[in-house]
N, C-alpha and C. Protein backbone atom coordinates (compact mmCIF):
# COMPACT_ATOMS: atom_id res chain seq x y z
N MET A 1 -22.51 12.36 -5.45
CA MET A 1 -21.26 12.12 -4.76
C MET A 1 -20.18 11.87 -5.81
N PRO A 2 -19.04 12.55 -5.71
CA PRO A 2 -17.98 12.36 -6.69
C PRO A 2 -17.36 10.97 -6.58
N ALA A 3 -16.83 10.50 -7.71
CA ALA A 3 -16.19 9.18 -7.74
C ALA A 3 -14.87 9.26 -8.49
N HIS A 4 -13.90 8.45 -8.06
CA HIS A 4 -12.63 8.29 -8.76
C HIS A 4 -12.57 6.84 -9.24
N ALA A 5 -12.15 6.64 -10.47
CA ALA A 5 -11.86 5.31 -10.99
C ALA A 5 -10.34 5.15 -10.92
N LEU A 6 -9.87 4.14 -10.19
CA LEU A 6 -8.45 3.97 -9.94
C LEU A 6 -7.96 2.61 -10.43
N GLY A 7 -6.74 2.58 -10.94
CA GLY A 7 -6.13 1.33 -11.38
C GLY A 7 -6.25 1.16 -12.88
N SER A 8 -6.31 -0.09 -13.32
CA SER A 8 -6.42 -0.42 -14.74
C SER A 8 -7.88 -0.36 -15.15
N VAL A 9 -8.39 0.85 -15.34
CA VAL A 9 -9.81 1.07 -15.62
C VAL A 9 -10.18 0.43 -16.95
N ARG A 10 -11.30 -0.26 -16.95
CA ARG A 10 -11.79 -0.94 -18.15
C ARG A 10 -13.32 -0.88 -18.14
N THR A 11 -13.93 -1.31 -19.20
CA THR A 11 -15.38 -1.36 -19.28
C THR A 11 -15.91 -2.40 -18.31
N GLY A 12 -17.01 -2.11 -17.70
CA GLY A 12 -17.61 -3.05 -16.76
C GLY A 12 -17.45 -2.59 -15.33
N PRO A 13 -18.04 -3.36 -14.44
CA PRO A 13 -18.01 -2.96 -13.03
C PRO A 13 -16.59 -3.06 -12.45
N PRO A 14 -16.29 -2.24 -11.45
CA PRO A 14 -14.98 -2.31 -10.81
C PRO A 14 -14.85 -3.60 -9.99
N ASP A 15 -13.61 -3.93 -9.65
CA ASP A 15 -13.37 -5.12 -8.84
C ASP A 15 -13.72 -4.89 -7.38
N LEU A 16 -13.66 -3.63 -6.94
CA LEU A 16 -13.94 -3.31 -5.55
C LEU A 16 -14.37 -1.86 -5.45
N HIS A 17 -15.30 -1.57 -4.55
CA HIS A 17 -15.73 -0.19 -4.26
C HIS A 17 -15.22 0.20 -2.88
N CYS A 18 -14.97 1.48 -2.70
CA CYS A 18 -14.58 2.01 -1.39
C CYS A 18 -15.36 3.31 -1.20
N LEU A 19 -16.12 3.40 -0.13
CA LEU A 19 -16.87 4.61 0.17
C LEU A 19 -16.11 5.38 1.24
N VAL A 20 -15.74 6.62 0.93
CA VAL A 20 -14.99 7.46 1.86
C VAL A 20 -15.97 8.42 2.51
N GLN A 21 -15.95 8.45 3.85
CA GLN A 21 -16.84 9.37 4.54
C GLN A 21 -16.13 9.99 5.73
N ARG A 22 -16.55 11.18 6.07
CA ARG A 22 -16.09 11.86 7.27
C ARG A 22 -17.31 12.05 8.14
N GLY A 23 -17.22 11.59 9.38
CA GLY A 23 -18.40 11.59 10.22
C GLY A 23 -19.40 10.61 9.64
N SER A 24 -20.62 11.06 9.45
CA SER A 24 -21.65 10.18 8.89
C SER A 24 -21.99 10.52 7.44
N ALA A 25 -21.29 11.49 6.86
CA ALA A 25 -21.62 11.91 5.50
C ALA A 25 -20.63 11.33 4.48
N PRO A 26 -21.13 10.61 3.48
CA PRO A 26 -20.24 10.13 2.42
C PRO A 26 -19.59 11.30 1.68
N GLU A 27 -18.30 11.18 1.40
CA GLU A 27 -17.56 12.25 0.75
C GLU A 27 -17.22 11.93 -0.71
N MET A 28 -16.84 10.67 -0.96
CA MET A 28 -16.55 10.25 -2.34
C MET A 28 -16.55 8.73 -2.40
N ARG A 29 -16.67 8.23 -3.63
CA ARG A 29 -16.61 6.79 -3.88
C ARG A 29 -15.38 6.51 -4.71
N LEU A 30 -14.67 5.44 -4.36
CA LEU A 30 -13.52 5.01 -5.14
C LEU A 30 -13.88 3.69 -5.81
N ASP A 31 -13.71 3.61 -7.12
CA ASP A 31 -13.92 2.38 -7.87
C ASP A 31 -12.54 1.83 -8.21
N LEU A 32 -12.22 0.66 -7.69
CA LEU A 32 -10.88 0.09 -7.84
C LEU A 32 -10.88 -1.01 -8.89
N TYR A 33 -9.94 -0.92 -9.81
CA TYR A 33 -9.76 -1.90 -10.87
C TYR A 33 -8.35 -2.47 -10.78
N ALA A 34 -8.24 -3.77 -10.72
CA ALA A 34 -6.93 -4.41 -10.71
C ALA A 34 -6.47 -4.65 -12.14
N ALA A 35 -5.17 -4.74 -12.32
CA ALA A 35 -4.62 -5.05 -13.64
C ALA A 35 -5.10 -6.44 -14.05
N PRO A 36 -5.35 -6.64 -15.34
CA PRO A 36 -5.78 -7.96 -15.80
C PRO A 36 -4.77 -9.03 -15.36
N GLY A 37 -5.28 -10.11 -14.80
CA GLY A 37 -4.42 -11.20 -14.36
C GLY A 37 -3.82 -11.01 -12.98
N ALA A 38 -4.02 -9.84 -12.35
CA ALA A 38 -3.46 -9.60 -11.02
C ALA A 38 -4.32 -10.30 -9.97
N GLN A 39 -3.71 -10.63 -8.84
CA GLN A 39 -4.46 -11.17 -7.72
C GLN A 39 -5.32 -10.05 -7.16
N LEU A 40 -6.61 -10.21 -7.24
CA LEU A 40 -7.50 -9.10 -6.91
C LEU A 40 -7.76 -8.92 -5.43
N TYR A 41 -8.14 -9.96 -4.75
CA TYR A 41 -8.67 -9.80 -3.41
C TYR A 41 -7.81 -10.43 -2.33
N VAL A 42 -6.55 -10.67 -2.59
CA VAL A 42 -5.70 -11.25 -1.55
C VAL A 42 -5.72 -10.34 -0.34
N TYR A 43 -5.37 -9.07 -0.53
CA TYR A 43 -5.39 -8.08 0.54
C TYR A 43 -5.86 -6.75 -0.03
N HIS A 44 -6.56 -5.98 0.78
CA HIS A 44 -6.89 -4.60 0.45
C HIS A 44 -7.08 -3.85 1.77
N GLN A 45 -6.65 -2.58 1.76
CA GLN A 45 -6.66 -1.80 2.99
C GLN A 45 -6.62 -0.32 2.64
N ALA A 46 -7.20 0.50 3.51
CA ALA A 46 -7.11 1.96 3.38
C ALA A 46 -6.64 2.53 4.70
N LEU A 47 -5.83 3.60 4.62
CA LEU A 47 -5.27 4.22 5.81
C LEU A 47 -4.99 5.68 5.52
N GLU A 48 -5.35 6.58 6.44
CA GLU A 48 -5.07 8.00 6.26
C GLU A 48 -3.63 8.31 6.65
N ILE A 49 -3.01 9.18 5.85
CA ILE A 49 -1.69 9.73 6.19
C ILE A 49 -1.74 11.20 5.83
N GLY A 50 -1.78 12.05 6.84
CA GLY A 50 -1.95 13.48 6.60
C GLY A 50 -3.28 13.74 5.93
N ASP A 51 -3.25 14.50 4.82
CA ASP A 51 -4.47 14.78 4.06
C ASP A 51 -4.78 13.71 3.02
N LEU A 52 -3.91 12.72 2.88
CA LEU A 52 -4.09 11.70 1.86
C LEU A 52 -4.75 10.45 2.44
N LEU A 53 -5.49 9.77 1.59
CA LEU A 53 -6.01 8.45 1.90
C LEU A 53 -5.23 7.47 1.04
N ALA A 54 -4.52 6.54 1.66
CA ALA A 54 -3.79 5.51 0.92
C ALA A 54 -4.69 4.29 0.82
N VAL A 55 -4.84 3.76 -0.41
CA VAL A 55 -5.69 2.59 -0.64
C VAL A 55 -4.85 1.56 -1.37
N GLY A 56 -4.61 0.42 -0.72
CA GLY A 56 -3.84 -0.66 -1.33
C GLY A 56 -4.76 -1.73 -1.88
N PHE A 57 -4.48 -2.15 -3.12
CA PHE A 57 -5.32 -3.13 -3.79
C PHE A 57 -4.58 -3.67 -5.00
N GLY A 58 -4.63 -4.97 -5.23
CA GLY A 58 -3.95 -5.55 -6.39
C GLY A 58 -2.45 -5.40 -6.27
N HIS A 59 -1.83 -4.75 -7.25
CA HIS A 59 -0.39 -4.49 -7.25
C HIS A 59 -0.10 -2.99 -7.13
N GLU A 60 -1.05 -2.25 -6.53
CA GLU A 60 -0.92 -0.78 -6.48
C GLU A 60 -1.37 -0.23 -5.13
N VAL A 61 -0.85 0.97 -4.83
CA VAL A 61 -1.36 1.77 -3.73
C VAL A 61 -1.72 3.12 -4.34
N HIS A 62 -2.95 3.56 -4.11
CA HIS A 62 -3.44 4.83 -4.63
C HIS A 62 -3.43 5.84 -3.49
N LEU A 63 -2.87 7.02 -3.75
CA LEU A 63 -2.86 8.11 -2.78
C LEU A 63 -3.90 9.11 -3.22
N VAL A 64 -4.98 9.22 -2.44
CA VAL A 64 -6.14 10.02 -2.83
C VAL A 64 -6.20 11.26 -1.93
N PRO A 65 -6.08 12.45 -2.54
CA PRO A 65 -6.21 13.69 -1.76
C PRO A 65 -7.69 14.02 -1.57
N PRO A 66 -7.99 15.02 -0.73
CA PRO A 66 -9.39 15.45 -0.63
C PRO A 66 -9.92 15.87 -2.01
N TRP A 67 -11.20 15.66 -2.23
CA TRP A 67 -11.84 16.03 -3.50
C TRP A 67 -11.67 17.52 -3.72
N PRO A 68 -11.35 18.03 -4.87
CA PRO A 68 -11.31 17.39 -6.17
C PRO A 68 -9.88 17.05 -6.64
N GLY A 69 -8.93 16.88 -5.74
CA GLY A 69 -7.56 16.60 -6.14
C GLY A 69 -7.42 15.31 -6.93
N ALA A 70 -6.37 15.22 -7.72
CA ALA A 70 -6.12 14.04 -8.56
C ALA A 70 -5.32 12.99 -7.79
N PRO A 71 -5.78 11.74 -7.77
CA PRO A 71 -5.05 10.67 -7.10
C PRO A 71 -3.72 10.37 -7.81
N ARG A 72 -2.79 9.84 -7.04
CA ARG A 72 -1.52 9.33 -7.59
C ARG A 72 -1.45 7.85 -7.29
N THR A 73 -0.78 7.11 -8.17
CA THR A 73 -0.69 5.66 -8.01
C THR A 73 0.77 5.23 -7.89
N ILE A 74 1.03 4.36 -6.93
CA ILE A 74 2.34 3.73 -6.78
C ILE A 74 2.17 2.28 -7.22
N THR A 75 2.92 1.88 -8.24
CA THR A 75 2.87 0.50 -8.71
C THR A 75 3.93 -0.30 -7.96
N LEU A 76 3.51 -1.40 -7.38
CA LEU A 76 4.39 -2.25 -6.59
C LEU A 76 5.03 -3.33 -7.46
N ARG A 77 6.17 -3.85 -7.03
CA ARG A 77 6.84 -4.92 -7.77
C ARG A 77 6.14 -6.26 -7.59
N SER A 78 5.31 -6.35 -6.56
CA SER A 78 4.58 -7.58 -6.27
C SER A 78 3.21 -7.19 -5.74
N TYR A 79 2.44 -8.16 -5.32
CA TYR A 79 1.09 -7.88 -4.84
C TYR A 79 1.11 -7.10 -3.52
N PHE A 80 0.08 -6.28 -3.31
CA PHE A 80 -0.08 -5.49 -2.09
C PHE A 80 -0.38 -6.42 -0.91
N VAL A 81 0.26 -6.13 0.25
CA VAL A 81 -0.01 -6.88 1.48
C VAL A 81 -0.64 -6.00 2.55
N SER A 82 0.05 -4.89 2.95
CA SER A 82 -0.49 -4.09 4.05
C SER A 82 0.11 -2.69 4.09
N LEU A 83 -0.58 -1.81 4.82
CA LEU A 83 -0.15 -0.43 5.04
C LEU A 83 0.14 -0.25 6.53
N HIS A 84 1.20 0.53 6.83
CA HIS A 84 1.58 0.80 8.21
C HIS A 84 1.97 2.26 8.32
N ARG A 85 1.49 2.94 9.36
CA ARG A 85 1.76 4.36 9.52
C ARG A 85 2.71 4.58 10.69
N SER A 86 3.67 5.49 10.50
CA SER A 86 4.50 5.97 11.60
C SER A 86 4.18 7.45 11.77
N THR A 87 4.93 8.14 12.61
CA THR A 87 4.62 9.55 12.85
C THR A 87 4.76 10.41 11.61
N ASP A 88 5.68 10.06 10.71
CA ASP A 88 5.92 10.92 9.54
C ASP A 88 5.94 10.19 8.21
N ALA A 89 5.51 8.93 8.18
CA ALA A 89 5.61 8.17 6.94
C ALA A 89 4.57 7.05 6.90
N LEU A 90 4.43 6.52 5.70
CA LEU A 90 3.60 5.36 5.44
C LEU A 90 4.51 4.27 4.91
N TYR A 91 4.38 3.07 5.41
CA TYR A 91 5.16 1.94 4.92
C TYR A 91 4.22 0.96 4.24
N ILE A 92 4.60 0.54 3.05
CA ILE A 92 3.79 -0.38 2.25
C ILE A 92 4.53 -1.71 2.18
N ALA A 93 3.88 -2.77 2.65
CA ALA A 93 4.44 -4.11 2.51
C ALA A 93 3.83 -4.76 1.28
N SER A 94 4.68 -5.34 0.45
CA SER A 94 4.20 -6.08 -0.71
C SER A 94 4.62 -7.55 -0.56
N GLY A 95 4.41 -8.31 -1.58
CA GLY A 95 4.83 -9.71 -1.53
C GLY A 95 6.33 -9.90 -1.51
N GLU A 96 7.10 -8.84 -1.86
CA GLU A 96 8.55 -8.97 -1.97
C GLU A 96 9.35 -7.95 -1.19
N ASP A 97 8.80 -6.76 -0.88
CA ASP A 97 9.60 -5.69 -0.33
C ASP A 97 8.77 -4.74 0.52
N VAL A 98 9.42 -3.67 0.99
CA VAL A 98 8.76 -2.62 1.76
C VAL A 98 9.09 -1.29 1.09
N THR A 99 8.10 -0.41 0.97
CA THR A 99 8.28 0.92 0.40
C THR A 99 7.91 1.97 1.44
N ARG A 100 8.74 3.02 1.54
CA ARG A 100 8.42 4.14 2.43
C ARG A 100 7.89 5.30 1.61
N VAL A 101 6.76 5.85 2.04
CA VAL A 101 6.15 7.02 1.42
C VAL A 101 6.08 8.11 2.47
N ASP A 102 6.62 9.30 2.16
CA ASP A 102 6.58 10.41 3.10
C ASP A 102 5.17 11.00 3.15
N ALA A 103 4.91 11.82 4.16
CA ALA A 103 3.58 12.37 4.39
C ALA A 103 3.05 13.19 3.22
N ASP A 104 3.95 13.72 2.37
CA ASP A 104 3.51 14.47 1.19
C ASP A 104 3.18 13.57 0.00
N GLY A 105 3.32 12.26 0.18
CA GLY A 105 3.00 11.31 -0.89
C GLY A 105 4.17 10.92 -1.77
N SER A 106 5.35 11.43 -1.49
CA SER A 106 6.51 11.07 -2.32
C SER A 106 7.15 9.78 -1.80
N VAL A 107 7.56 8.93 -2.74
CA VAL A 107 8.23 7.69 -2.38
C VAL A 107 9.67 8.01 -2.01
N ARG A 108 10.06 7.69 -0.79
CA ARG A 108 11.43 7.94 -0.36
C ARG A 108 12.34 6.78 -0.75
N TRP A 109 11.88 5.54 -0.53
CA TRP A 109 12.69 4.39 -0.91
C TRP A 109 11.83 3.14 -1.01
N THR A 110 12.37 2.16 -1.75
CA THR A 110 11.84 0.80 -1.78
C THR A 110 13.00 -0.11 -1.44
N SER A 111 12.79 -1.00 -0.50
CA SER A 111 13.86 -1.90 -0.07
C SER A 111 14.22 -2.85 -1.21
N PRO A 112 15.37 -3.49 -1.11
CA PRO A 112 15.64 -4.59 -2.04
C PRO A 112 14.65 -5.72 -1.76
N GLN A 113 14.58 -6.68 -2.66
CA GLN A 113 13.69 -7.82 -2.45
C GLN A 113 14.13 -8.57 -1.19
N ILE A 114 13.19 -8.75 -0.26
CA ILE A 114 13.49 -9.46 0.99
C ILE A 114 12.64 -10.71 1.14
N ALA A 115 11.71 -10.95 0.23
CA ALA A 115 10.81 -12.10 0.34
C ALA A 115 10.46 -12.63 -1.04
N ALA A 116 9.99 -13.86 -1.06
CA ALA A 116 9.50 -14.46 -2.30
C ALA A 116 7.97 -14.43 -2.36
N ASP A 117 7.32 -14.46 -1.18
CA ASP A 117 5.86 -14.54 -1.18
C ASP A 117 5.23 -13.99 0.09
N GLY A 118 5.60 -12.77 0.48
CA GLY A 118 4.91 -12.14 1.59
C GLY A 118 5.84 -11.48 2.58
N VAL A 119 5.43 -10.30 3.05
CA VAL A 119 6.17 -9.54 4.05
C VAL A 119 5.19 -9.15 5.16
N ARG A 120 5.57 -9.40 6.40
CA ARG A 120 4.80 -8.98 7.56
C ARG A 120 5.60 -7.93 8.31
N VAL A 121 5.11 -6.70 8.36
CA VAL A 121 5.77 -5.64 9.14
C VAL A 121 5.20 -5.72 10.55
N GLU A 122 6.10 -5.84 11.54
CA GLU A 122 5.66 -6.00 12.92
C GLU A 122 6.07 -4.85 13.83
N ILE A 123 7.25 -4.24 13.58
CA ILE A 123 7.75 -3.17 14.43
C ILE A 123 8.30 -2.04 13.55
N ILE A 124 7.89 -0.80 13.86
CA ILE A 124 8.43 0.38 13.18
C ILE A 124 8.94 1.32 14.26
N THR A 125 10.22 1.67 14.18
CA THR A 125 10.79 2.67 15.08
C THR A 125 11.41 3.76 14.22
N ASP A 126 11.97 4.78 14.84
CA ASP A 126 12.65 5.83 14.09
C ASP A 126 13.86 5.28 13.34
N ASP A 127 14.43 4.17 13.84
CA ASP A 127 15.66 3.64 13.26
C ASP A 127 15.47 2.46 12.31
N GLU A 128 14.44 1.62 12.56
CA GLU A 128 14.31 0.42 11.73
C GLU A 128 12.88 -0.06 11.61
N ILE A 129 12.70 -0.91 10.61
CA ILE A 129 11.45 -1.62 10.37
C ILE A 129 11.81 -3.09 10.51
N ALA A 130 11.02 -3.83 11.26
CA ALA A 130 11.31 -5.25 11.49
C ALA A 130 10.05 -6.06 11.28
N GLY A 131 10.25 -7.30 10.90
CA GLY A 131 9.12 -8.21 10.71
C GLY A 131 9.60 -9.55 10.22
N GLU A 132 8.73 -10.20 9.44
CA GLU A 132 9.05 -11.50 8.88
C GLU A 132 8.82 -11.48 7.37
N ALA A 133 9.66 -12.22 6.66
CA ALA A 133 9.56 -12.33 5.21
C ALA A 133 9.50 -13.81 4.84
N ASP A 134 8.59 -14.15 3.94
CA ASP A 134 8.48 -15.53 3.48
C ASP A 134 9.46 -15.73 2.33
N GLU A 135 10.62 -16.26 2.67
CA GLU A 135 11.69 -16.43 1.69
C GLU A 135 11.65 -17.78 0.99
N ASP A 136 10.91 -18.74 1.58
CA ASP A 136 10.87 -20.09 1.03
C ASP A 136 9.46 -20.66 1.19
N PRO A 137 8.52 -20.19 0.33
CA PRO A 137 7.14 -20.61 0.50
C PRO A 137 6.96 -22.11 0.21
N PRO A 138 5.99 -22.74 0.82
CA PRO A 138 5.11 -22.16 1.83
C PRO A 138 5.72 -22.28 3.23
N GLY A 139 5.54 -21.25 4.01
CA GLY A 139 5.89 -21.30 5.42
C GLY A 139 7.34 -21.07 5.78
N GLY A 140 8.14 -20.56 4.87
CA GLY A 140 9.55 -20.30 5.17
C GLY A 140 9.76 -18.89 5.66
N TRP A 141 9.13 -18.53 6.77
CA TRP A 141 9.18 -17.17 7.31
C TRP A 141 10.45 -16.97 8.12
N TYR A 142 11.15 -15.87 7.82
CA TYR A 142 12.38 -15.53 8.51
C TYR A 142 12.33 -14.07 8.92
N PRO A 143 12.97 -13.70 10.04
CA PRO A 143 12.96 -12.30 10.47
C PRO A 143 13.78 -11.41 9.53
N PHE A 144 13.37 -10.16 9.40
CA PHE A 144 14.15 -9.16 8.66
C PHE A 144 14.18 -7.87 9.45
N ARG A 145 15.17 -7.04 9.15
CA ARG A 145 15.27 -5.68 9.70
C ARG A 145 15.77 -4.77 8.60
N LEU A 146 15.12 -3.61 8.46
CA LEU A 146 15.51 -2.63 7.45
C LEU A 146 15.82 -1.31 8.15
N ASP A 147 16.79 -0.58 7.62
CA ASP A 147 17.11 0.76 8.10
C ASP A 147 15.97 1.69 7.68
N ALA A 148 15.37 2.40 8.64
CA ALA A 148 14.22 3.26 8.34
C ALA A 148 14.60 4.46 7.48
N ARG A 149 15.88 4.82 7.45
CA ARG A 149 16.31 5.98 6.66
C ARG A 149 16.39 5.70 5.16
N ASP A 150 16.82 4.46 4.79
CA ASP A 150 17.03 4.20 3.37
C ASP A 150 16.56 2.83 2.89
N GLY A 151 16.01 2.00 3.78
CA GLY A 151 15.47 0.71 3.38
C GLY A 151 16.48 -0.40 3.20
N THR A 152 17.74 -0.16 3.50
CA THR A 152 18.74 -1.22 3.36
C THR A 152 18.62 -2.20 4.52
N PRO A 153 18.93 -3.48 4.27
CA PRO A 153 18.90 -4.46 5.36
C PRO A 153 19.91 -4.11 6.44
N CYS A 154 19.51 -4.31 7.70
CA CYS A 154 20.40 -4.06 8.86
C CYS A 154 21.25 -5.28 9.13
């Protein structure tokens, strides 16, 4: 079974494994390495968008095409929180901002910093992204709204 090593690859075992399968047959293994000193296991998630598999871990999101294509990596300004899919895009929440990735894997925009320690995406429409941002940790959660076209605050 083919394997991809993703992230800050180093000697030794990976920080996390991900087995990708279609139906009941394993298709590939992903070995995930976080950058030294990064928060490793706070959040991790995988989500399909078109032909790509998005895998969030550490401070990165890896876009993995079907084998044998080469993965691409998006480095986040803060730690990875969650992935959210709309009809034509993927939204990545980090500890500080939200990034929109189009179905072809290209980054369309990254919002300005809207949080100090966490972003929760709750609603995605054609016009906006809404949720809560922790602006004053611990527990200083406030609502936010971003324009879905360019990531600017509404």
